[in-house]
C-alpha atoms as a PDB file:
ATOM      1  CA  MET A   1    -123.202  -1.597 -88.002  1.00  0.00           C
ATOM      2  CA  ILE A   2    -121.619   1.711 -86.972  1.00  0.00           C
ATOM      3  CA  TYR A   3    -123.811   1.917 -83.853  1.00  0.00           C
ATOM      4  CA  HIS A   4    -122.955  -1.668 -82.918  1.00  0.00           C
ATOM      5  CA  ARG A   5    -119.212  -0.914 -83.104  1.00  0.00           C
ATOM      6  CA  ARG A   6    -119.599   2.304 -81.102  1.00  0.00           C
ATOM      7  CA  ASN A   7    -121.590   0.527 -78.397  1.00  0.00           C
ATOM      8  CA  LEU A   8    -119.027  -2.268 -78.286  1.00  0.00           C
ATOM      9  CA  LEU A   9    -116.203   0.242 -77.748  1.00  0.00           C
ATOM     10  CA  GLU A  10    -118.167   2.053 -75.027  1.00  0.00           C
ATOM     11  CA  SER A  11    -118.908  -1.176 -73.157  1.00  0.00           C
ATOM     12  CA  TYR A  12    -115.186  -1.698 -72.437  1.00  0.00           C
ATOM     13  CA  ARG A  13    -114.578   1.526 -70.599  1.00  0.00           C
ATOM     14  CA  PRO A  14    -112.824   1.689 -67.220  1.00  0.00           C
ATOM     15  CA  GLU A  15    -114.506   2.961 -64.059  1.00  0.00           C
ATOM     16  CA  LEU A  16    -112.372   3.742 -61.005  1.00  0.00           C
ATOM     17  CA  VAL A  17    -113.703   3.724 -57.443  1.00  0.00           C
ATOM     18  CA  LEU A  18    -111.986   4.661 -54.175  1.00  0.00           C
ATOM     19  CA  ASN A  19    -112.389   2.080 -51.385  1.00  0.00           C
ATOM     20  CA  GLY A  20    -111.665   1.820 -47.687  1.00  0.00           C
ATOM     21  CA  PHE A  21    -112.585   5.208 -46.247  1.00  0.00           C
ATOM     22  CA  LYS A  22    -111.686   5.395 -42.543  1.00  0.00           C
ATOM     23  CA  ILE A  23    -111.851   8.353 -40.161  1.00  0.00           C
ATOM     24  CA  VAL A  24    -109.391   8.901 -37.340  1.00  0.00           C
ATOM     25  CA  THR A  25    -109.954  11.804 -34.943  1.00  0.00           C
ATOM     26  CA  ASP A  26    -106.945  13.563 -33.446  1.00  0.00           C
ATOM     27  CA  SER A  27    -108.256  15.696 -30.597  1.00  0.00           C
ATOM     28  CA  SER A  28    -105.123  17.516 -29.536  1.00  0.00           C
ATOM     29  CA  PRO A  29    -106.111  20.768 -27.801  1.00  0.00           C
ATOM     30  CA  LYS A  30    -103.797  22.904 -29.928  1.00  0.00           C
ATOM     31  CA  ASN A  31    -104.770  21.623 -33.340  1.00  0.00           C
ATOM     32  CA  PRO A  32    -107.864  19.369 -33.484  1.00  0.00           C
ATOM     33  CA  LYS A  33    -108.223  17.510 -36.781  1.00  0.00           C
ATOM     34  CA  LYS A  34    -109.859  14.599 -38.526  1.00  0.00           C
ATOM     35  CA  ILE A  35    -107.882  12.293 -40.789  1.00  0.00           C
ATOM     36  CA  ILE A  36    -109.624  10.454 -43.603  1.00  0.00           C
ATOM     37  CA  LYS A  37    -107.644   7.503 -44.874  1.00  0.00           C
ATOM     38  CA  ILE A  38    -108.295   6.003 -48.305  1.00  0.00           C
ATOM     39  CA  GLU A  39    -106.897   2.492 -48.609  1.00  0.00           C
ATOM     40  CA  SER A  40    -107.301   1.461 -52.241  1.00  0.00           C
ATOM     41  CA  ILE A  41    -108.527   2.218 -55.737  1.00  0.00           C
ATOM     42  CA  LYS A  42    -110.425  -0.377 -57.776  1.00  0.00           C
ATOM     43  CA  ASN A  43    -111.289  -0.615 -61.457  1.00  0.00           C
ATOM     44  CA  VAL A  44    -114.914  -1.797 -61.551  1.00  0.00           C
ATOM     45  CA  GLY A  45    -115.293  -1.235 -65.307  1.00  0.00           C
ATOM     46  CA  ARG A  46    -114.776  -3.729 -68.125  1.00  0.00           C
ATOM     47  CA  GLY A  47    -111.730  -2.040 -69.676  1.00  0.00           C
ATOM     48  CA  ALA A  48    -108.206  -1.354 -68.427  1.00  0.00           C
ATOM     49  CA  ALA A  49    -107.344   2.107 -67.097  1.00  0.00           C
ATOM     50  CA  TYR A  50    -104.038   3.679 -68.148  1.00  0.00           C
ATOM     51  CA  HIS A  51    -101.998   6.639 -66.837  1.00  0.00           C
ATOM     52  CA  ILE A  52    -103.920   7.002 -63.571  1.00  0.00           C
ATOM     53  CA  VAL A  53    -103.276  10.180 -61.594  1.00  0.00           C
ATOM     54  CA  ALA A  54    -105.324  10.820 -58.462  1.00  0.00           C
ATOM     55  CA  GLY A  55    -105.143  13.893 -56.288  1.00  0.00           C
ATOM     56  CA  GLY A  56    -107.312  16.564 -54.862  1.00  0.00           C
ATOM     57  CA  ASN A  57    -107.836  20.136 -53.984  1.00  0.00           C
ATOM     58  CA  GLU A  58    -109.586  21.985 -51.222  1.00  0.00           C
ATOM     59  CA  GLY A  59    -113.064  23.273 -51.605  1.00  0.00           C
ATOM     60  CA  HIS A  60    -113.786  26.785 -50.383  1.00  0.00           C
ATOM     61  CA  ASN A  61    -111.692  26.957 -47.217  1.00  0.00           C
ATOM     62  CA  ALA A  62    -108.035  26.434 -48.159  1.00  0.00           C
ATOM     63  CA  HIS A  63    -106.761  26.663 -44.566  1.00  0.00           C
ATOM     64  CA  SER A  64    -108.846  23.791 -43.226  1.00  0.00           C
ATOM     65  CA  VAL A  65    -107.812  20.918 -45.528  1.00  0.00           C
ATOM     66  CA  ASN A  66    -104.466  19.310 -46.293  1.00  0.00           C
ATOM     67  CA  LEU A  67    -104.391  16.705 -49.067  1.00  0.00           C
ATOM     68  CA  TYR A  68    -101.535  14.344 -49.613  1.00  0.00           C
ATOM     69  CA  PRO A  69    -100.995  13.084 -53.162  1.00  0.00           C
ATOM     70  CA  LEU A  70    -103.017   9.935 -53.490  1.00  0.00           C
ATOM     71  CA  THR A  71    -101.488   7.984 -56.353  1.00  0.00           C
ATOM     72  CA  ASN A  72     -99.866   7.770 -59.760  1.00  0.00           C
ATOM     73  CA  LEU A  73    -100.305   4.356 -61.428  1.00  0.00           C
ATOM     74  CA  PRO A  74     -99.348   3.198 -64.938  1.00  0.00           C
ATOM     75  CA  ILE A  75    -102.154   0.631 -65.482  1.00  0.00           C
ATOM     76  CA  LEU A  76    -105.049  -0.954 -63.620  1.00  0.00           C
ATOM     77  CA  ALA A  77    -106.741  -3.990 -65.172  1.00  0.00           C
ATOM     78  CA  PRO A  78    -110.490  -4.710 -64.811  1.00  0.00           C
ATOM     79  CA  ASN A  79    -111.496  -5.908 -61.313  1.00  0.00           C
ATOM     80  CA  GLU A  80    -107.995  -5.146 -60.027  1.00  0.00           C
ATOM     81  CA  THR A  81    -107.316  -3.236 -56.819  1.00  0.00           C
ATOM     82  CA  ALA A  82    -104.222  -1.153 -56.038  1.00  0.00           C
ATOM     83  CA  SER A  83    -103.235   0.062 -52.597  1.00  0.00           C
ATOM     84  CA  ILE A  84    -102.794   3.846 -52.398  1.00  0.00           C
ATOM     85  CA  ASN A  85    -102.858   4.738 -48.668  1.00  0.00           C
ATOM     86  CA  GLY A  86    -103.967   8.346 -49.210  1.00  0.00           C
ATOM     87  CA  GLU A  87    -104.695  10.780 -46.401  1.00  0.00           C
ATOM     88  CA  ILE A  88    -106.806  13.897 -46.086  1.00  0.00           C
ATOM     89  CA  LEU A  89    -106.248  16.076 -43.033  1.00  0.00           C
ATOM     90  CA  VAL A  90    -109.160  18.299 -41.989  1.00  0.00           C
ATOM     91  CA  PHE A  91    -108.260  20.962 -39.434  1.00  0.00           C
ATOM     92  CA  LEU A  92    -111.329  21.750 -37.374  1.00  0.00           C
ATOM     93  CA  LYS A  93    -110.086  25.030 -35.859  1.00  0.00           C
ATOM     94  CA  HIS A  94    -110.410  26.847 -39.219  1.00  0.00           C
ATOM     95  CA  ILE A  95    -114.122  26.149 -39.604  1.00  0.00           C
ATOM     96  CA  ASN A  96    -116.363  29.173 -39.280  1.00  0.00           C
ATOM     97  CA  PRO A  97    -118.172  28.744 -35.911  1.00  0.00           C
ATOM     98  CA  ASN A  98    -120.893  31.300 -36.790  1.00  0.00           C
ATOM     99  CA  HIS A  99    -122.757  28.856 -39.058  1.00  0.00           C
ATOM    100  CA  ASP A 100    -125.373  26.456 -37.732  1.00  0.00           C
ATOM    101  CA  GLU A 101    -123.527  23.589 -39.362  1.00  0.00           C
ATOM    102  CA  LYS A 102    -119.803  23.223 -39.863  1.00  0.00           C
ATOM    103  CA  LEU A 103    -119.285  22.080 -43.458  1.00  0.00           C
ATOM    104  CA  ILE A 104    -115.977  21.543 -45.270  1.00  0.00           C
ATOM    105  CA  PRO A 105    -115.945  20.560 -48.977  1.00  0.00           C
ATOM    106  CA  VAL A 106    -113.077  18.467 -50.397  1.00  0.00           C
ATOM    107  CA  HIS A 107    -112.680  17.497 -54.060  1.00  0.00           C
ATOM    108  CA  ILE A 108    -110.741  14.427 -55.224  1.00  0.00           C
ATOM    109  CA  LYS A 109    -110.107  13.962 -58.942  1.00  0.00           C
ATOM    110  CA  ILE A 110    -108.883  10.829 -60.701  1.00  0.00           C
ATOM    111  CA  TYR A 111    -107.592  11.303 -64.253  1.00  0.00           C
ATOM    112  CA  TYR A 112    -107.133   8.238 -66.476  1.00  0.00           C
ATOM    113  CA  SER A 113    -107.480   6.997 -70.061  1.00  0.00           C
ATOM    114  CA  ASP A 114    -108.563   3.809 -71.790  1.00  0.00           C
ATOM    115  CA  SER A 115    -106.979   1.691 -74.537  1.00  0.00           C
ATOM    116  CA  HIS A 116    -108.611   3.845 -77.259  1.00  0.00           C
ATOM    117  CA  GLY A 117    -107.039   7.056 -75.954  1.00  0.00           C
ATOM    118  CA  ARG A 118    -110.192   8.580 -74.445  1.00  0.00           C
ATOM    119  CA  ARG A 119    -109.597  10.475 -71.218  1.00  0.00           C
ATOM    120  CA  TYR A 120    -111.822  10.321 -68.158  1.00  0.00           C
ATOM    121  CA  ILE A 121    -112.172  12.241 -64.907  1.00  0.00           C
ATOM    122  CA  THR A 122    -113.842  10.692 -61.874  1.00  0.00           C
ATOM    123  CA  GLN A 123    -114.629  13.373 -59.301  1.00  0.00           C
ATOM    124  CA  TYR A 124    -115.417  12.759 -55.664  1.00  0.00           C
ATOM    125  CA  LYS A 125    -116.990  15.601 -53.714  1.00  0.00           C
ATOM    126  CA  LEU A 126    -116.656  14.925 -49.998  1.00  0.00           C
ATOM    127  CA  THR A 127    -118.357  17.068 -47.383  1.00  0.00           C
ATOM    128  CA  PHE A 128    -117.259  16.986 -43.759  1.00  0.00           C
ATOM    129  CA  SER A 129    -119.992  17.904 -41.321  1.00  0.00           C
ATOM    130  CA  ASP A 130    -120.312  17.994 -37.549  1.00  0.00           C
ATOM    131  CA  HIS A 131    -123.797  16.440 -37.871  1.00  0.00           C
ATOM    132  CA  THR A 132    -124.198  12.789 -38.785  1.00  0.00           C
ATOM    133  CA  GLY A 133    -127.024  10.827 -40.349  1.00  0.00           C
ATOM    134  CA  ARG A 134    -128.433  13.510 -42.661  1.00  0.00           C
ATOM    135  CA  GLU A 135    -127.377  12.293 -46.107  1.00  0.00           C
ATOM    136  CA  ALA A 136    -128.077   8.987 -47.815  1.00  0.00           C
ATOM    137  CA  PHE A 137    -124.529   8.602 -49.183  1.00  0.00           C
ATOM    138  CA  GLU A 138    -122.480   8.667 -46.006  1.00  0.00           C
ATOM    139  CA  ILE A 139    -119.107   6.961 -46.481  1.00  0.00           C
ATOM    140  CA  ALA A 140    -118.116   7.468 -42.854  1.00  0.00           C
ATOM    141  CA  PRO A 141    -119.758   9.156 -39.844  1.00  0.00           C
ATOM    142  CA  GLY A 142    -119.958  12.857 -40.675  1.00  0.00           C
ATOM    143  CA  VAL A 143    -118.629  12.494 -44.236  1.00  0.00           C
ATOM    144  CA  THR A 144    -120.926  12.442 -47.272  1.00  0.00           C
ATOM    145  CA  ALA A 145    -119.803  11.816 -50.824  1.00  0.00           C
ATOM    146  CA  SER A 146    -120.922  12.070 -54.415  1.00  0.00           C
ATOM    147  CA  ARG A 147    -119.119  10.622 -57.445  1.00  0.00           C
ATOM    148  CA  LYS A 148    -119.272  11.658 -61.100  1.00  0.00           C
ATOM    149  CA  THR A 149    -117.349  10.356 -64.119  1.00  0.00           C
ATOM    150  CA  THR A 150    -116.862  12.547 -67.183  1.00  0.00           C
ATOM    151  CA  VAL A 151    -115.445  11.608 -70.577  1.00  0.00           C
ATOM    152  CA  LEU A 152    -113.198  14.385 -71.849  1.00  0.00           C
ATOM    153  CA  SER A 153    -113.497  15.259 -75.495  1.00  0.00           C
ATOM    154  CA  THR A 154    -110.338  15.509 -77.583  1.00  0.00           C
ATOM    155  CA  ALA A 155    -110.928  19.237 -78.063  1.00  0.00           C
ATOM    156  CA  CYS A 156    -110.951  19.838 -74.282  1.00  0.00           C
ATOM    157  CA  VAL A 157    -107.724  17.882 -73.851  1.00  0.00           C
ATOM    158  CA  VAL A 158    -105.955  19.754 -76.674  1.00  0.00           C
ATOM    159  CA  LEU A 159    -107.149  23.161 -75.463  1.00  0.00           C
ATOM    160  CA  SER A 160    -106.231  22.490 -71.841  1.00  0.00           C
ATOM    161  CA  THR A 161    -102.696  21.389 -72.770  1.00  0.00           C
ATOM    162  CA  ARG A 162    -102.135  24.349 -75.109  1.00  0.00           C
ATOM    163  CA  PHE A 163    -103.411  26.974 -72.696  1.00  0.00           C
ATOM    164  CA  ALA A 164    -102.093  25.405 -69.486  1.00  0.00           C
ATOM    165  CA  ARG A 165     -99.623  28.245 -68.886  1.00  0.00           C
ATOM    166  CA  VAL A 166    -102.107  31.074 -69.392  1.00  0.00           C
ATOM    167  CA  PRO A 167    -103.594  31.592 -65.890  1.00  0.00           C
ATOM    168  CA  GLY A 168    -107.028  32.986 -66.743  1.00  0.00           C
ATOM    169  CA  VAL A 169    -107.728  30.642 -69.633  1.00  0.00           C
ATOM    170  CA  SER A 170    -106.518  27.521 -67.806  1.00  0.00           C
ATOM    171  CA  ARG A 171    -108.825  28.284 -64.842  1.00  0.00           C
ATOM    172  CA  LEU A 172    -111.767  28.809 -67.188  1.00  0.00           C
ATOM    173  CA  LEU A 173    -111.089  25.509 -68.987  1.00  0.00           C
ATOM    174  CA  ASN A 174    -110.747  23.675 -65.655  1.00  0.00           C
ATOM    175  CA  ARG A 175    -114.121  25.035 -64.551  1.00  0.00           C
ATOM    176  CA  LEU A 176    -115.726  23.959 -67.815  1.00  0.00           C
ATOM    177  CA  ILE A 177    -114.237  20.466 -67.587  1.00  0.00           C
ATOM    178  CA  SER A 178    -115.178  19.983 -63.916  1.00  0.00           C
ATOM    179  CA  SER A 179    -118.764  21.179 -64.190  1.00  0.00           C
END
């Protein structure tokens, strides 16, 4: 009976997906860049998602990527879509030209919770490349993606909120949560 209840609670969990990736190339001679536009976010799970915060951070090269805040939503019901109109600017002049391939990693994180108070992180890892057609999960020409959803334990949430102001500890906890 306990397993049945636990499985029933797990079956109504939210799952958020970003939709509508489009690439626009701005080839100005002074500052060439690519702009990735993200149109919407959709809840494909069976449960409602609450307190949705989506944003991102650069991968390894902080000078090559500019992320605009994607969204902050109070609630997203199952099979509902919300427009977010997010943009990611990738400046091509900061890429190291000595490598055979020009690769730029970008990480997008979506934090949300369900009706039972469990917290989730959905992480998108985008990779911009000057070569196309190499990966199976291409979302746009030259952009590959992977997605992973993690359920945060209550202990991780409590520790991360208590030690948020301690620089070394907060970075360590963020690495543990994101891995």
